[in-house]
C-alpha atoms as a PDB file:
ATOM      1  CA  MET A   1     -22.665 -14.816  10.987  1.00  0.00           C
ATOM      2  CA  ILE A   2     -22.265 -12.124  13.647  1.00  0.00           C
ATOM      3  CA  GLU A   3     -23.729  -8.760  12.781  1.00  0.00           C
ATOM      4  CA  GLN A   4     -21.134  -6.006  12.641  1.00  0.00           C
ATOM      5  CA  LYS A   5     -21.698  -3.140  15.065  1.00  0.00           C
ATOM      6  CA  ILE A   6     -19.408  -0.195  14.348  1.00  0.00           C
ATOM      7  CA  GLN A   7     -18.959   2.588  16.875  1.00  0.00           C
ATOM      8  CA  GLU A   8     -17.659   5.850  15.456  1.00  0.00           C
ATOM      9  CA  VAL A   9     -16.032   8.109  18.003  1.00  0.00           C
ATOM     10  CA  ALA A  10     -13.586  11.017  18.170  1.00  0.00           C
ATOM     11  CA  LEU A  11     -10.814  11.403  20.701  1.00  0.00           C
ATOM     12  CA  PHE A  12     -12.184  14.870  21.588  1.00  0.00           C
ATOM     13  CA  ASN A  13     -15.395  16.725  20.755  1.00  0.00           C
ATOM     14  CA  SER A  14     -14.207  20.282  20.481  1.00  0.00           C
ATOM     15  CA  ARG A  15     -11.321  20.136  18.017  1.00  0.00           C
ATOM     16  CA  HIS A  16     -13.279  20.620  14.772  1.00  0.00           C
ATOM     17  CA  PRO A  17     -16.368  19.180  13.041  1.00  0.00           C
ATOM     18  CA  ILE A  18     -16.024  15.501  12.183  1.00  0.00           C
ATOM     19  CA  TYR A  19     -18.273  13.626   9.785  1.00  0.00           C
ATOM     20  CA  SER A  20     -18.687   9.877   9.578  1.00  0.00           C
ATOM     21  CA  VAL A  21     -17.089   8.206   6.575  1.00  0.00           C
ATOM     22  CA  LEU A  22     -20.014   5.768   6.643  1.00  0.00           C
ATOM     23  CA  THR A  23     -23.075   7.959   7.093  1.00  0.00           C
ATOM     24  CA  LYS A  24     -21.730  11.488   6.479  1.00  0.00           C
ATOM     25  CA  GLU A  25     -23.476  12.480   9.724  1.00  0.00           C
ATOM     26  CA  PRO A  26     -21.622  14.428  12.443  1.00  0.00           C
ATOM     27  CA  ILE A  27     -19.657  12.375  14.980  1.00  0.00           C
ATOM     28  CA  THR A  28     -20.830  13.513  18.407  1.00  0.00           C
ATOM     29  CA  ASP A  29     -19.349  10.845  20.701  1.00  0.00           C
ATOM     30  CA  SER A  30     -15.836  11.097  22.070  1.00  0.00           C
ATOM     31  CA  VAL A  31     -13.517   9.183  24.354  1.00  0.00           C
ATOM     32  CA  PHE A  32     -12.271  12.190  26.331  1.00  0.00           C
ATOM     33  CA  GLY A  33     -15.075  14.753  26.037  1.00  0.00           C
ATOM     34  CA  ASP A  34     -14.004  18.288  25.143  1.00  0.00           C
ATOM     35  CA  SER A  35     -10.540  18.153  26.726  1.00  0.00           C
ATOM     36  CA  VAL A  36      -8.422  16.709  29.505  1.00  0.00           C
ATOM     37  CA  GLU A  37      -7.234  18.792  32.434  1.00  0.00           C
ATOM     38  CA  ASN A  38      -3.643  17.562  32.273  1.00  0.00           C
ATOM     39  CA  PRO A  39      -2.473  16.254  28.880  1.00  0.00           C
ATOM     40  CA  LEU A  40       0.450  14.523  30.588  1.00  0.00           C
ATOM     41  CA  ASP A  41      -1.688  12.572  33.047  1.00  0.00           C
ATOM     42  CA  PHE A  42      -1.279   9.303  31.185  1.00  0.00           C
ATOM     43  CA  ASN A  43      -2.889   7.204  33.921  1.00  0.00           C
ATOM     44  CA  PHE A  44      -6.059   9.286  33.818  1.00  0.00           C
ATOM     45  CA  MET A  45      -6.308   9.059  30.028  1.00  0.00           C
ATOM     46  CA  GLN A  46      -5.554   5.323  30.021  1.00  0.00           C
ATOM     47  CA  ASN A  47      -8.275   4.741  32.615  1.00  0.00           C
ATOM     48  CA  GLU A  48     -10.771   6.810  30.624  1.00  0.00           C
ATOM     49  CA  ALA A  49      -9.906   4.866  27.483  1.00  0.00           C
ATOM     50  CA  LEU A  50     -10.255   1.569  29.337  1.00  0.00           C
ATOM     51  CA  ARG A  51     -13.710   2.600  30.596  1.00  0.00           C
ATOM     52  CA  PHE A  52     -14.697   3.485  27.041  1.00  0.00           C
ATOM     53  CA  LEU A  53     -13.430   0.130  25.725  1.00  0.00           C
ATOM     54  CA  GLN A  54     -15.173  -1.857  28.474  1.00  0.00           C
ATOM     55  CA  THR A  55     -18.463  -0.172  27.630  1.00  0.00           C
ATOM     56  CA  ALA A  56     -17.951  -0.921  23.939  1.00  0.00           C
ATOM     57  CA  VAL A  57     -17.337  -4.606  24.731  1.00  0.00           C
ATOM     58  CA  TRP A  58     -20.464  -4.718  26.922  1.00  0.00           C
ATOM     59  CA  ASP A  59     -22.440  -3.073  24.088  1.00  0.00           C
ATOM     60  CA  ASN A  60     -21.279  -5.807  21.665  1.00  0.00           C
ATOM     61  CA  VAL A  61     -19.374  -3.372  19.441  1.00  0.00           C
ATOM     62  CA  THR A  62     -17.368  -5.321  16.849  1.00  0.00           C
ATOM     63  CA  LYS A  63     -15.346  -2.438  15.383  1.00  0.00           C
ATOM     64  CA  ILE A  64     -14.334   1.034  16.521  1.00  0.00           C
ATOM     65  CA  HIS A  65     -13.687   3.862  14.094  1.00  0.00           C
ATOM     66  CA  LEU A  66     -11.530   6.251  16.136  1.00  0.00           C
ATOM     67  CA  TYR A  67     -11.206   9.712  14.587  1.00  0.00           C
ATOM     68  CA  ILE A  68      -7.866  11.148  15.651  1.00  0.00           C
ATOM     69  CA  THR A  69      -8.476  14.784  16.529  1.00  0.00           C
ATOM     70  CA  GLY A  70      -5.216  15.766  18.086  1.00  0.00           C
ATOM     71  CA  LEU A  71      -3.241  15.465  21.280  1.00  0.00           C
ATOM     72  CA  THR A  72      -0.727  12.703  20.732  1.00  0.00           C
ATOM     73  CA  PRO A  73      -0.652  11.649  24.440  1.00  0.00           C
ATOM     74  CA  ALA A  74      -4.401  10.933  24.228  1.00  0.00           C
ATOM     75  CA  THR A  75      -3.894   8.794  21.129  1.00  0.00           C
ATOM     76  CA  THR A  76      -1.041   6.824  22.681  1.00  0.00           C
ATOM     77  CA  SER A  77      -2.962   6.428  25.952  1.00  0.00           C
ATOM     78  CA  PHE A  78      -5.941   5.014  24.060  1.00  0.00           C
ATOM     79  CA  LEU A  79      -3.732   2.592  22.140  1.00  0.00           C
ATOM     80  CA  LYS A  80      -1.907   1.485  25.302  1.00  0.00           C
ATOM     81  CA  SER A  81      -5.228   0.707  26.985  1.00  0.00           C
ATOM     82  CA  TYR A  82      -6.469  -1.087  23.885  1.00  0.00           C
ATOM     83  CA  PHE A  83      -3.431  -3.366  23.709  1.00  0.00           C
ATOM     84  CA  ASP A  84      -2.965  -3.826  27.471  1.00  0.00           C
ATOM     85  CA  ALA A  85      -6.593  -4.979  27.759  1.00  0.00           C
ATOM     86  CA  LEU A  86      -6.250  -7.350  24.793  1.00  0.00           C
ATOM     87  CA  CYS A  87      -9.386  -5.686  23.479  1.00  0.00           C
ATOM     88  CA  PRO A  88     -11.277  -8.051  21.131  1.00  0.00           C
ATOM     89  CA  ILE A  89     -12.821  -5.209  19.124  1.00  0.00           C
ATOM     90  CA  ARG A  90     -11.346  -4.433  15.708  1.00  0.00           C
ATOM     91  CA  LEU A  91      -9.914  -0.915  15.472  1.00  0.00           C
ATOM     92  CA  SER A  92      -9.354   1.567  12.685  1.00  0.00           C
ATOM     93  CA  LEU A  93      -7.856   5.008  13.163  1.00  0.00           C
ATOM     94  CA  PHE A  94      -9.077   7.819  10.942  1.00  0.00           C
ATOM     95  CA  HIS A  95      -6.703  10.669  10.113  1.00  0.00           C
ATOM     96  CA  TYR A  96      -7.651  13.953   8.481  1.00  0.00           C
ATOM     97  CA  ASN A  97      -6.180  14.556   5.026  1.00  0.00           C
ATOM     98  CA  ARG A  98      -5.909  18.307   4.456  1.00  0.00           C
ATOM     99  CA  ASP A  99      -5.540  17.862   0.694  1.00  0.00           C
ATOM    100  CA  THR A 100      -8.782  15.937   0.257  1.00  0.00           C
ATOM    101  CA  GLN A 101     -10.506  17.429   3.326  1.00  0.00           C
ATOM    102  CA  ALA A 102     -11.626  13.951   4.320  1.00  0.00           C
ATOM    103  CA  TYR A 103     -10.659  11.295   6.822  1.00  0.00           C
ATOM    104  CA  GLU A 104      -8.593   8.316   5.713  1.00  0.00           C
ATOM    105  CA  GLU A 105      -8.657   4.945   7.405  1.00  0.00           C
ATOM    106  CA  GLN A 106      -5.634   3.277   8.930  1.00  0.00           C
ATOM    107  CA  LYS A 107      -6.644  -0.280   9.800  1.00  0.00           C
ATOM    108  CA  PHE A 108      -5.028  -1.099  13.084  1.00  0.00           C
ATOM    109  CA  PHE A 109      -6.471  -4.491  13.933  1.00  0.00           C
END
């Protein structure tokens, strides 16, 4: 049986504090850092996402928990890169629920 290695990451660091649903520790890693210079530069964001995914594959990550922290073009760019690359890593998106003040999982693959 292959050991599961989950990577928890936010789209952006600076949106608001994010805590892991697994460990309750702060999530400090992000795909795009604090921001992107041009939120309509889809090629840039897709390339950044692809670099992130390649590193995750090389690090033997088996599942990514992606905390969605805003900027729809960043989310769609990440997903486009994920599907275009036929990424073998399982993916779940985590969305903030204002009513419960917690993140909820949307299993993607």
